[in-house]
Amino acid sequence: MNQKEPLIKQGWIRVLVFCVLYFSVLVTGSFLILLMMMVTNVAGNMQDALKQLNAQDSIMPILYIVLYNFTVSILFVFLFRKYIDRKSIFSLGWELQNHVSHALIGLCTAIAIIGTGTFILIAFNYVRFTGWFINGEDLFISFGIMVLVAIAEESVFRGYILHNLMQSTNRYVALILSALIFGIAHATNPSFSWLAFINIILAGLILGINYIYTQNLWYAVVLHFAWNFFQGPVMGYEVSGLNFQSIFQLDIHGNEIITGGKFGFEGSIIASVLVIIFTVILGLSYHKKTRKALAIQAK
């Protein structure tokens, strides 16, 4: 048998097996962490433990779950990549050389969307700044959490899932399917809603739009990190329903479909529109560059 051939030939079957095992372990471990919080009297019951995750004065439970998720994510991607795909985990797209510009595009895209959305909300009196405060320790931990989340989730959803789906179908169908899985994976987050679900799927599209052309992860990792960090620990929105101590304090009021409510800016209809606009712009840009490169090669 050729050792370079995947153990499971069909990419979509590899993804299916990966998702079943990965999410089973992830959910079980998160449940055990919440149970441990109860046993150690950090929380009185399961509902209490879930509330602790959403309390601004208690960042450590979030850190424990993120560390667990990070470990499981990297371990699963490594094991599946090595023993099922029979390739290196680094071949999923971790080469930084020649991709710094893509990483910078990811950074600028996140800041542009969060900044534009906030400006719109302020202009229409849905948001106002009430003050600012810097807690160095919490900010440092939050920074670390967002780095771990970005690396773990991009390794799984864009790195493993999208990469393997692209081997079973065309790039656009693979992108949509991976974004749908990404949305479903966030369904247990606090304050989850139908609009939040749609926006997480849209986030999956904008996070993967670079990967289907470059098969490199740095754009997605930096965009994912910057989106979460600037949305929560900097600007003061919730991040997918979770609270973080932030530099700026916001007074958010009015229709939650417009503001995002307790799920954060990414639960807002304004986020929906902006993400769609930026995804289309980026997609057209990458498509044009790809066609130009193919035309040059054909000459």
C-alpha atoms as a PDB file:
ATOM      1  CA  MET A   1       0.000   0.000   0.000  1.00  0.00           C
ATOM      2  CA  ASN A   2       1.260   3.498  -0.822  1.00  0.00           C
ATOM      3  CA  GLN A   3       1.855   5.164   2.531  1.00  0.00           C
ATOM      4  CA  LYS A   4       1.165   8.582   1.008  1.00  0.00           C
ATOM      5  CA  GLU A   5      -2.433   7.609   0.242  1.00  0.00           C
ATOM      6  CA  PRO A   6      -4.973   8.537   2.969  1.00  0.00           C
ATOM      7  CA  LEU A   7      -6.228   5.673   5.118  1.00  0.00           C
ATOM      8  CA  ILE A   8      -9.769   6.829   4.223  1.00  0.00           C
ATOM      9  CA  LYS A   9      -9.800   7.921   0.580  1.00  0.00           C
ATOM     10  CA  GLN A  10     -12.936  10.090   0.539  1.00  0.00           C
ATOM     11  CA  GLY A  11     -12.356  13.509   2.080  1.00  0.00           C
ATOM     12  CA  TRP A  12     -15.988  13.936   3.188  1.00  0.00           C
ATOM     13  CA  ILE A  13     -15.873  10.613   5.088  1.00  0.00           C
ATOM     14  CA  ARG A  14     -12.676  11.725   6.829  1.00  0.00           C
ATOM     15  CA  VAL A  15     -14.487  14.906   7.863  1.00  0.00           C
ATOM     16  CA  LEU A  16     -17.547  12.973   9.070  1.00  0.00           C
ATOM     17  CA  VAL A  17     -15.482  10.617  11.229  1.00  0.00           C
ATOM     18  CA  PHE A  18     -13.416  13.509  12.548  1.00  0.00           C
ATOM     19  CA  CYS A  19     -16.502  15.573  13.492  1.00  0.00           C
ATOM     20  CA  VAL A  20     -18.283  12.713  15.294  1.00  0.00           C
ATOM     21  CA  LEU A  21     -15.257  11.841  17.434  1.00  0.00           C
ATOM     22  CA  TYR A  22     -13.984  15.391  17.931  1.00  0.00           C
ATOM     23  CA  PHE A  23     -17.267  16.954  19.037  1.00  0.00           C
ATOM     24  CA  SER A  24     -18.086  13.972  21.273  1.00  0.00           C
ATOM     25  CA  VAL A  25     -14.813  14.378  23.163  1.00  0.00           C
ATOM     26  CA  LEU A  26     -15.144  18.161  23.244  1.00  0.00           C
ATOM     27  CA  VAL A  27     -18.664  18.145  24.709  1.00  0.00           C
ATOM     28  CA  THR A  28     -17.837  15.415  27.222  1.00  0.00           C
ATOM     29  CA  GLY A  29     -14.739  17.247  28.451  1.00  0.00           C
ATOM     30  CA  SER A  30     -16.540  20.581  28.772  1.00  0.00           C
ATOM     31  CA  PHE A  31     -19.273  18.855  30.791  1.00  0.00           C
ATOM     32  CA  LEU A  32     -16.639  17.351  33.112  1.00  0.00           C
ATOM     33  CA  ILE A  33     -15.043  20.774  33.640  1.00  0.00           C
ATOM     34  CA  LEU A  34     -18.417  22.231  34.629  1.00  0.00           C
ATOM     35  CA  LEU A  35     -18.946  19.227  36.912  1.00  0.00           C
ATOM     36  CA  MET A  36     -15.541  19.841  38.517  1.00  0.00           C
ATOM     37  CA  MET A  37     -16.575  23.442  39.184  1.00  0.00           C
ATOM     38  CA  MET A  38     -19.519  22.062  41.140  1.00  0.00           C
ATOM     39  CA  VAL A  39     -17.437  19.499  43.059  1.00  0.00           C
ATOM     40  CA  THR A  40     -14.871  22.146  44.064  1.00  0.00           C
ATOM     41  CA  ASN A  41     -17.674  24.502  45.164  1.00  0.00           C
ATOM     42  CA  VAL A  42     -16.851  27.055  42.475  1.00  0.00           C
ATOM     43  CA  ALA A  43     -20.484  26.642  41.446  1.00  0.00           C
ATOM     44  CA  GLY A  44     -23.479  25.197  43.254  1.00  0.00           C
ATOM     45  CA  ASN A  45     -25.066  23.466  40.259  1.00  0.00           C
ATOM     46  CA  MET A  46     -24.727  23.104  36.500  1.00  0.00           C
ATOM     47  CA  GLN A  47     -26.749  26.256  35.804  1.00  0.00           C
ATOM     48  CA  ASP A  48     -24.542  28.126  38.261  1.00  0.00           C
ATOM     49  CA  ALA A  49     -21.425  26.821  36.506  1.00  0.00           C
ATOM     50  CA  LEU A  50     -22.707  28.051  33.144  1.00  0.00           C
ATOM     51  CA  LYS A  51     -23.420  31.484  34.652  1.00  0.00           C
ATOM     52  CA  GLN A  52     -19.838  31.612  35.980  1.00  0.00           C
ATOM     53  CA  LEU A  53     -18.591  31.373  32.401  1.00  0.00           C
ATOM     54  CA  ASN A  54     -20.502  34.543  31.567  1.00  0.00           C
ATOM     55  CA  ALA A  55     -19.437  36.578  34.621  1.00  0.00           C
ATOM     56  CA  GLN A  56     -16.970  39.405  33.939  1.00  0.00           C
ATOM     57  CA  ASP A  57     -15.319  38.893  37.339  1.00  0.00           C
ATOM     58  CA  SER A  58     -14.485  35.240  36.591  1.00  0.00           C
ATOM     59  CA  ILE A  59     -12.298  34.711  33.550  1.00  0.00           C
ATOM     60  CA  MET A  60     -10.556  31.549  34.829  1.00  0.00           C
ATOM     61  CA  PRO A  61     -13.380  29.049  34.031  1.00  0.00           C
ATOM     62  CA  ILE A  62     -13.330  30.279  30.420  1.00  0.00           C
ATOM     63  CA  LEU A  63      -9.543  29.844  30.356  1.00  0.00           C
ATOM     64  CA  TYR A  64      -9.806  26.246  31.621  1.00  0.00           C
ATOM     65  CA  ILE A  65     -12.329  25.295  28.936  1.00  0.00           C
ATOM     66  CA  VAL A  66     -10.339  27.089  26.216  1.00  0.00           C
ATOM     67  CA  LEU A  67      -7.155  25.261  27.270  1.00  0.00           C
ATOM     68  CA  TYR A  68      -9.006  21.959  27.137  1.00  0.00           C
ATOM     69  CA  ASN A  69     -10.547  22.778  23.752  1.00  0.00           C
ATOM     70  CA  PHE A  70      -7.175  23.887  22.387  1.00  0.00           C
ATOM     71  CA  THR A  71      -5.466  20.679  23.533  1.00  0.00           C
ATOM     72  CA  VAL A  72      -8.194  18.429  22.121  1.00  0.00           C
ATOM     73  CA  SER A  73      -8.359  20.379  18.839  1.00  0.00           C
ATOM     74  CA  ILE A  74      -4.635  20.301  18.117  1.00  0.00           C
ATOM     75  CA  LEU A  75      -4.339  16.674  19.227  1.00  0.00           C
ATOM     76  CA  PHE A  76      -7.227  15.541  17.012  1.00  0.00           C
ATOM     77  CA  VAL A  77      -5.994  17.461  13.979  1.00  0.00           C
ATOM     78  CA  PHE A  78      -2.475  16.089  14.495  1.00  0.00           C
ATOM     79  CA  LEU A  79      -3.622  12.473  14.910  1.00  0.00           C
ATOM     80  CA  PHE A  80      -6.076  12.550  12.006  1.00  0.00           C
ATOM     81  CA  ARG A  81      -3.633  14.350   9.771  1.00  0.00           C
ATOM     82  CA  LYS A  82      -0.823  11.893  10.571  1.00  0.00           C
ATOM     83  CA  TYR A  83      -2.658   8.581  10.705  1.00  0.00           C
ATOM     84  CA  ILE A  84      -5.774   9.115   8.555  1.00  0.00           C
ATOM     85  CA  ASP A  85      -4.614  11.684   5.976  1.00  0.00           C
ATOM     86  CA  ARG A  86      -1.015  10.449   6.292  1.00  0.00           C
ATOM     87  CA  LYS A  87       0.389  13.923   5.906  1.00  0.00           C
ATOM     88  CA  SER A  88       1.973  16.547   8.137  1.00  0.00           C
ATOM     89  CA  ILE A  89      -0.157  18.905  10.221  1.00  0.00           C
ATOM     90  CA  PHE A  90       2.002  21.762   8.896  1.00  0.00           C
ATOM     91  CA  SER A  91       0.898  20.969   5.344  1.00  0.00           C
ATOM     92  CA  LEU A  92      -2.582  22.255   6.237  1.00  0.00           C
ATOM     93  CA  GLY A  93      -1.264  25.768   5.624  1.00  0.00           C
ATOM     94  CA  TRP A  94       1.018  26.968   8.431  1.00  0.00           C
ATOM     95  CA  GLU A  95       3.750  28.409   6.211  1.00  0.00           C
ATOM     96  CA  LEU A  96       4.072  32.110   7.065  1.00  0.00           C
ATOM     97  CA  GLN A  97       6.611  33.065   4.411  1.00  0.00           C
ATOM     98  CA  ASN A  98       4.903  34.773   1.461  1.00  0.00           C
ATOM     99  CA  HIS A  99       1.655  34.947   3.445  1.00  0.00           C
ATOM    100  CA  VAL A 100       2.317  37.891   5.772  1.00  0.00           C
ATOM    101  CA  SER A 101       0.243  40.108   3.499  1.00  0.00           C
ATOM    102  CA  HIS A 102      -2.715  37.749   3.860  1.00  0.00           C
ATOM    103  CA  ALA A 103      -2.364  37.870   7.650  1.00  0.00           C
ATOM    104  CA  LEU A 104      -2.390  41.681   7.504  1.00  0.00           C
ATOM    105  CA  ILE A 105      -5.520  41.587   5.335  1.00  0.00           C
ATOM    106  CA  GLY A 106      -7.167  39.439   8.012  1.00  0.00           C
ATOM    107  CA  LEU A 107      -6.183  41.926  10.718  1.00  0.00           C
ATOM    108  CA  CYS A 108      -7.426  44.935   8.750  1.00  0.00           C
ATOM    109  CA  THR A 109     -10.669  43.190   7.788  1.00  0.00           C
ATOM    110  CA  ALA A 110     -11.557  42.437  11.420  1.00  0.00           C
ATOM    111  CA  ILE A 111     -10.767  45.973  12.585  1.00  0.00           C
ATOM    112  CA  ALA A 112     -12.655  47.496   9.638  1.00  0.00           C
ATOM    113  CA  ILE A 113     -15.826  45.484  10.280  1.00  0.00           C
ATOM    114  CA  ILE A 114     -15.850  45.993  14.061  1.00  0.00           C
ATOM    115  CA  GLY A 115     -14.918  49.664  13.697  1.00  0.00           C
ATOM    116  CA  THR A 116     -17.465  50.426  10.974  1.00  0.00           C
ATOM    117  CA  GLY A 117     -20.209  48.574  12.821  1.00  0.00           C
ATOM    118  CA  THR A 118     -19.485  50.406  16.064  1.00  0.00           C
ATOM    119  CA  PHE A 119     -19.461  53.771  14.273  1.00  0.00           C
ATOM    120  CA  ILE A 120     -22.886  52.988  12.780  1.00  0.00           C
ATOM    121  CA  LEU A 121     -24.309  51.954  16.164  1.00  0.00           C
ATOM    122  CA  ILE A 122     -22.955  55.129  17.791  1.00  0.00           C
ATOM    123  CA  ALA A 123     -24.266  57.309  14.963  1.00  0.00           C
ATOM    124  CA  PHE A 124     -27.786  55.934  15.418  1.00  0.00           C
ATOM    125  CA  ASN A 125     -27.578  56.127  19.223  1.00  0.00           C
ATOM    126  CA  TYR A 126     -27.611  52.385  19.923  1.00  0.00           C
ATOM    127  CA  VAL A 127     -24.209  52.499  21.625  1.00  0.00           C
ATOM    128  CA  ARG A 128     -22.370  55.043  23.725  1.00  0.00           C
ATOM    129  CA  PHE A 129     -19.054  54.869  25.558  1.00  0.00           C
ATOM    130  CA  THR A 130     -19.343  55.274  29.318  1.00  0.00           C
ATOM    131  CA  GLY A 131     -15.686  55.008  30.298  1.00  0.00           C
ATOM    132  CA  TRP A 132     -12.529  52.976  30.041  1.00  0.00           C
ATOM    133  CA  PHE A 133     -10.435  50.833  32.354  1.00  0.00           C
ATOM    134  CA  ILE A 134      -7.380  48.605  31.897  1.00  0.00           C
ATOM    135  CA  ASN A 135      -6.923  45.473  33.991  1.00  0.00           C
ATOM    136  CA  GLY A 136      -3.502  44.294  32.835  1.00  0.00           C
ATOM    137  CA  GLU A 137      -3.837  40.722  34.119  1.00  0.00           C
ATOM    138  CA  ASP A 138      -7.285  40.137  32.626  1.00  0.00           C
ATOM    139  CA  LEU A 139      -6.259  41.750  29.334  1.00  0.00           C
ATOM    140  CA  PHE A 140      -3.205  39.488  29.114  1.00  0.00           C
ATOM    141  CA  ILE A 141      -5.278  36.369  29.860  1.00  0.00           C
ATOM    142  CA  SER A 142      -7.950  37.461  27.376  1.00  0.00           C
ATOM    143  CA  PHE A 143      -5.263  37.995  24.728  1.00  0.00           C
ATOM    144  CA  GLY A 144      -3.972  34.468  25.358  1.00  0.00           C
ATOM    145  CA  ILE A 145      -7.490  33.024  25.230  1.00  0.00           C
ATOM    146  CA  MET A 146      -8.186  34.658  21.870  1.00  0.00           C
ATOM    147  CA  VAL A 147      -4.884  33.383  20.430  1.00  0.00           C
ATOM    148  CA  LEU A 148      -5.663  29.828  21.569  1.00  0.00           C
ATOM    149  CA  VAL A 149      -9.239  29.983  20.265  1.00  0.00           C
ATOM    150  CA  ALA A 150      -8.110  31.283  16.865  1.00  0.00           C
ATOM    151  CA  ILE A 151      -5.400  28.645  16.419  1.00  0.00           C
ATOM    152  CA  ALA A 152      -7.599  25.786  17.642  1.00  0.00           C
ATOM    153  CA  GLU A 153     -10.730  26.643  15.664  1.00  0.00           C
ATOM    154  CA  GLU A 154      -8.902  27.503  12.460  1.00  0.00           C
ATOM    155  CA  SER A 155      -6.882  24.286  12.663  1.00  0.00           C
ATOM    156  CA  VAL A 156     -10.146  22.354  12.928  1.00  0.00           C
ATOM    157  CA  PHE A 157     -12.624  24.213  10.706  1.00  0.00           C
ATOM    158  CA  ARG A 158     -10.494  25.694   7.955  1.00  0.00           C
ATOM    159  CA  GLY A 159      -7.382  23.541   8.322  1.00  0.00           C
ATOM    160  CA  TYR A 160      -8.851  20.062   8.642  1.00  0.00           C
ATOM    161  CA  ILE A 161     -12.550  20.246   7.720  1.00  0.00           C
ATOM    162  CA  LEU A 162     -12.422  22.709   4.809  1.00  0.00           C
ATOM    163  CA  HIS A 163      -9.163  21.265   3.490  1.00  0.00           C
ATOM    164  CA  ASN A 164     -10.579  17.730   3.335  1.00  0.00           C
ATOM    165  CA  LEU A 165     -13.973  18.785   1.995  1.00  0.00           C
ATOM    166  CA  MET A 166     -12.185  20.501  -0.891  1.00  0.00           C
ATOM    167  CA  GLN A 167     -10.849  17.069  -1.874  1.00  0.00           C
ATOM    168  CA  SER A 168     -14.408  15.745  -2.261  1.00  0.00           C
ATOM    169  CA  THR A 169     -16.202  18.670  -3.878  1.00  0.00           C
ATOM    170  CA  ASN A 170     -15.521  22.070  -5.452  1.00  0.00           C
ATOM    171  CA  ARG A 171     -14.093  24.841  -3.317  1.00  0.00           C
ATOM    172  CA  TYR A 172     -17.310  26.845  -2.981  1.00  0.00           C
ATOM    173  CA  VAL A 173     -19.461  23.939  -1.826  1.00  0.00           C
ATOM    174  CA  ALA A 174     -16.698  22.939   0.595  1.00  0.00           C
ATOM    175  CA  LEU A 175     -16.599  26.501   1.950  1.00  0.00           C
ATOM    176  CA  ILE A 176     -20.378  26.570   2.521  1.00  0.00           C
ATOM    177  CA  LEU A 177     -20.392  23.146   4.216  1.00  0.00           C
ATOM    178  CA  SER A 178     -17.490  24.037   6.508  1.00  0.00           C
ATOM    179  CA  ALA A 179     -19.193  27.333   7.423  1.00  0.00           C
ATOM    180  CA  LEU A 180     -22.405  25.461   8.259  1.00  0.00           C
ATOM    181  CA  ILE A 181     -20.496  23.079  10.546  1.00  0.00           C
ATOM    182  CA  PHE A 182     -18.821  26.114  12.120  1.00  0.00           C
ATOM    183  CA  GLY A 183     -22.236  27.637  12.838  1.00  0.00           C
ATOM    184  CA  ILE A 184     -23.637  24.435  14.339  1.00  0.00           C
ATOM    185  CA  ALA A 185     -20.560  24.089  16.554  1.00  0.00           C
ATOM    186  CA  HIS A 186     -21.435  27.423  18.231  1.00  0.00           C
ATOM    187  CA  ALA A 187     -25.088  26.522  18.857  1.00  0.00           C
ATOM    188  CA  THR A 188     -24.483  25.869  22.581  1.00  0.00           C
ATOM    189  CA  ASN A 189     -23.058  29.351  23.220  1.00  0.00           C
ATOM    190  CA  PRO A 190     -24.977  31.618  25.633  1.00  0.00           C
ATOM    191  CA  SER A 191     -27.665  33.896  24.110  1.00  0.00           C
ATOM    192  CA  PHE A 192     -27.518  32.017  20.798  1.00  0.00           C
ATOM    193  CA  SER A 193     -30.227  33.088  18.326  1.00  0.00           C
ATOM    194  CA  TRP A 194     -31.256  32.490  14.724  1.00  0.00           C
ATOM    195  CA  LEU A 195     -29.457  35.672  13.637  1.00  0.00           C
ATOM    196  CA  ALA A 196     -26.349  34.682  15.598  1.00  0.00           C
ATOM    197  CA  PHE A 197     -26.460  31.309  13.819  1.00  0.00           C
ATOM    198  CA  ILE A 198     -26.646  32.997  10.407  1.00  0.00           C
ATOM    199  CA  ASN A 199     -23.806  35.364  11.326  1.00  0.00           C
ATOM    200  CA  ILE A 200     -21.545  32.567  12.555  1.00  0.00           C
ATOM    201  CA  ILE A 201     -22.106  30.818   9.227  1.00  0.00           C
ATOM    202  CA  LEU A 202     -21.257  34.089   7.446  1.00  0.00           C
ATOM    203  CA  ALA A 203     -18.160  34.327   9.665  1.00  0.00           C
ATOM    204  CA  GLY A 204     -17.219  30.849   8.474  1.00  0.00           C
ATOM    205  CA  LEU A 205     -17.441  32.109   4.899  1.00  0.00           C
ATOM    206  CA  ILE A 206     -15.258  35.167   5.426  1.00  0.00           C
ATOM    207  CA  LEU A 207     -12.761  33.144   7.468  1.00  0.00           C
ATOM    208  CA  GLY A 208     -12.511  30.528   4.724  1.00  0.00           C
ATOM    209  CA  ILE A 209     -12.622  32.747   1.627  1.00  0.00           C
ATOM    210  CA  ASN A 210      -8.843  33.141   1.603  1.00  0.00           C
ATOM    211  CA  TYR A 211      -8.160  29.461   2.313  1.00  0.00           C
ATOM    212  CA  ILE A 212     -10.009  28.109  -0.721  1.00  0.00           C
ATOM    213  CA  TYR A 213      -7.601  30.090  -2.931  1.00  0.00           C
ATOM    214  CA  THR A 214      -4.359  29.961  -0.921  1.00  0.00           C
ATOM    215  CA  GLN A 215      -4.749  26.897   1.342  1.00  0.00           C
ATOM    216  CA  ASN A 216      -2.914  28.892   3.988  1.00  0.00           C
ATOM    217  CA  LEU A 217      -4.257  29.496   7.504  1.00  0.00           C
ATOM    218  CA  TRP A 218      -2.629  32.766   8.547  1.00  0.00           C
ATOM    219  CA  TYR A 219      -5.307  35.068   7.131  1.00  0.00           C
ATOM    220  CA  ALA A 220      -8.028  33.129   8.987  1.00  0.00           C
ATOM    221  CA  VAL A 221      -6.067  32.824  12.244  1.00  0.00           C
ATOM    222  CA  VAL A 222      -5.266  36.548  12.420  1.00  0.00           C
ATOM    223  CA  LEU A 223      -8.794  37.580  11.351  1.00  0.00           C
ATOM    224  CA  HIS A 224     -10.359  35.226  13.914  1.00  0.00           C
ATOM    225  CA  PHE A 225      -8.069  36.455  16.700  1.00  0.00           C
ATOM    226  CA  ALA A 226      -8.498  40.150  15.865  1.00  0.00           C
ATOM    227  CA  TRP A 227     -12.283  39.823  15.540  1.00  0.00           C
ATOM    228  CA  ASN A 228     -12.636  38.233  18.994  1.00  0.00           C
ATOM    229  CA  PHE A 229     -10.040  40.382  20.751  1.00  0.00           C
ATOM    230  CA  PHE A 230     -11.179  43.753  19.451  1.00  0.00           C
ATOM    231  CA  GLN A 231     -14.852  42.860  19.795  1.00  0.00           C
ATOM    232  CA  GLY A 232     -14.603  41.750  23.443  1.00  0.00           C
ATOM    233  CA  PRO A 233     -11.541  42.658  25.536  1.00  0.00           C
ATOM    234  CA  VAL A 234     -11.027  45.957  23.681  1.00  0.00           C
ATOM    235  CA  MET A 235     -14.430  47.314  22.631  1.00  0.00           C
ATOM    236  CA  GLY A 236     -16.623  45.769  25.308  1.00  0.00           C
ATOM    237  CA  TYR A 237     -19.089  43.617  23.342  1.00  0.00           C
ATOM    238  CA  GLU A 238     -19.785  40.036  24.346  1.00  0.00           C
ATOM    239  CA  VAL A 239     -17.908  37.463  22.267  1.00  0.00           C
ATOM    240  CA  SER A 240     -20.288  34.762  21.047  1.00  0.00           C
ATOM    241  CA  GLY A 241     -22.322  35.257  24.204  1.00  0.00           C
ATOM    242  CA  LEU A 242     -19.361  35.385  26.628  1.00  0.00           C
ATOM    243  CA  ASN A 243     -18.383  38.402  28.715  1.00  0.00           C
ATOM    244  CA  PHE A 244     -14.816  39.651  29.033  1.00  0.00           C
ATOM    245  CA  GLN A 245     -13.385  42.501  31.072  1.00  0.00           C
ATOM    246  CA  SER A 246     -12.802  45.199  28.463  1.00  0.00           C
ATOM    247  CA  ILE A 247     -10.819  48.395  28.020  1.00  0.00           C
ATOM    248  CA  PHE A 248     -13.873  50.380  26.908  1.00  0.00           C
ATOM    249  CA  GLN A 249     -17.227  50.195  28.683  1.00  0.00           C
ATOM    250  CA  LEU A 250     -20.271  50.420  26.453  1.00  0.00           C
ATOM    251  CA  ASP A 251     -23.892  51.251  27.115  1.00  0.00           C
ATOM    252  CA  ILE A 252     -25.730  49.141  24.518  1.00  0.00           C
ATOM    253  CA  HIS A 253     -29.479  49.576  24.210  1.00  0.00           C
ATOM    254  CA  GLY A 254     -32.291  49.201  21.702  1.00  0.00           C
ATOM    255  CA  ASN A 255     -33.338  46.469  19.300  1.00  0.00           C
ATOM    256  CA  GLU A 256     -31.089  43.428  19.811  1.00  0.00           C
ATOM    257  CA  ILE A 257     -31.371  42.500  16.137  1.00  0.00           C
ATOM    258  CA  ILE A 258     -29.526  45.740  15.418  1.00  0.00           C
ATOM    259  CA  THR A 259     -27.112  45.752  18.381  1.00  0.00           C
ATOM    260  CA  GLY A 260     -26.461  42.014  18.718  1.00  0.00           C
ATOM    261  CA  GLY A 261     -27.623  42.086  22.334  1.00  0.00           C
ATOM    262  CA  LYS A 262     -25.995  39.677  24.761  1.00  0.00           C
ATOM    263  CA  PHE A 263     -24.442  37.578  22.011  1.00  0.00           C
ATOM    264  CA  GLY A 264     -22.211  40.475  20.982  1.00  0.00           C
ATOM    265  CA  PHE A 265     -21.773  42.503  17.816  1.00  0.00           C
ATOM    266  CA  GLU A 266     -21.594  39.285  15.796  1.00  0.00           C
ATOM    267  CA  GLY A 267     -25.284  38.770  16.624  1.00  0.00           C
ATOM    268  CA  SER A 268     -26.214  42.034  14.878  1.00  0.00           C
ATOM    269  CA  ILE A 269     -27.856  42.520  11.480  1.00  0.00           C
ATOM    270  CA  ILE A 270     -25.235  45.218  10.881  1.00  0.00           C
ATOM    271  CA  ALA A 271     -22.542  42.568  11.253  1.00  0.00           C
ATOM    272  CA  SER A 272     -24.441  40.419   8.739  1.00  0.00           C
ATOM    273  CA  VAL A 273     -24.397  43.143   6.086  1.00  0.00           C
ATOM    274  CA  LEU A 274     -20.773  44.138   6.662  1.00  0.00           C
ATOM    275  CA  VAL A 275     -19.491  40.551   6.639  1.00  0.00           C
ATOM    276  CA  ILE A 276     -21.357  39.831   3.392  1.00  0.00           C
ATOM    277  CA  ILE A 277     -19.926  42.972   1.764  1.00  0.00           C
ATOM    278  CA  PHE A 278     -16.349  42.206   2.823  1.00  0.00           C
ATOM    279  CA  THR A 279     -16.673  38.524   1.863  1.00  0.00           C
ATOM    280  CA  VAL A 280     -17.852  39.453  -1.632  1.00  0.00           C
ATOM    281  CA  ILE A 281     -15.053  42.009  -2.048  1.00  0.00           C
ATOM    282  CA  LEU A 282     -12.386  39.567  -0.871  1.00  0.00           C
ATOM    283  CA  GLY A 283     -13.839  36.702  -2.900  1.00  0.00           C
ATOM    284  CA  LEU A 284     -13.876  38.730  -6.120  1.00  0.00           C
ATOM    285  CA  SER A 285     -10.349  39.953  -5.439  1.00  0.00           C
ATOM    286  CA  TYR A 286      -8.952  36.439  -4.864  1.00  0.00           C
ATOM    287  CA  HIS A 287     -10.881  35.073  -7.851  1.00  0.00           C
ATOM    288  CA  LYS A 288      -9.473  37.796 -10.096  1.00  0.00           C
ATOM    289  CA  LYS A 289      -5.920  37.169  -8.896  1.00  0.00           C
ATOM    290  CA  THR A 290      -6.316  33.421  -9.433  1.00  0.00           C
ATOM    291  CA  ARG A 291      -7.595  33.902 -12.996  1.00  0.00           C
ATOM    292  CA  LYS A 292      -4.740  36.303 -13.728  1.00  0.00           C
ATOM    293  CA  ALA A 293      -2.164  33.835 -12.390  1.00  0.00           C
ATOM    294  CA  LEU A 294      -3.652  30.995 -14.473  1.00  0.00           C
ATOM    295  CA  ALA A 295      -3.628  33.212 -17.578  1.00  0.00           C
ATOM    296  CA  ILE A 296       0.065  34.004 -17.060  1.00  0.00           C
ATOM    297  CA  GLN A 297       0.877  30.292 -16.606  1.00  0.00           C
ATOM    298  CA  ALA A 298      -1.012  29.445 -19.795  1.00  0.00           C
ATOM    299  CA  LYS A 299       1.125  31.802 -21.897  1.00  0.00           C
END
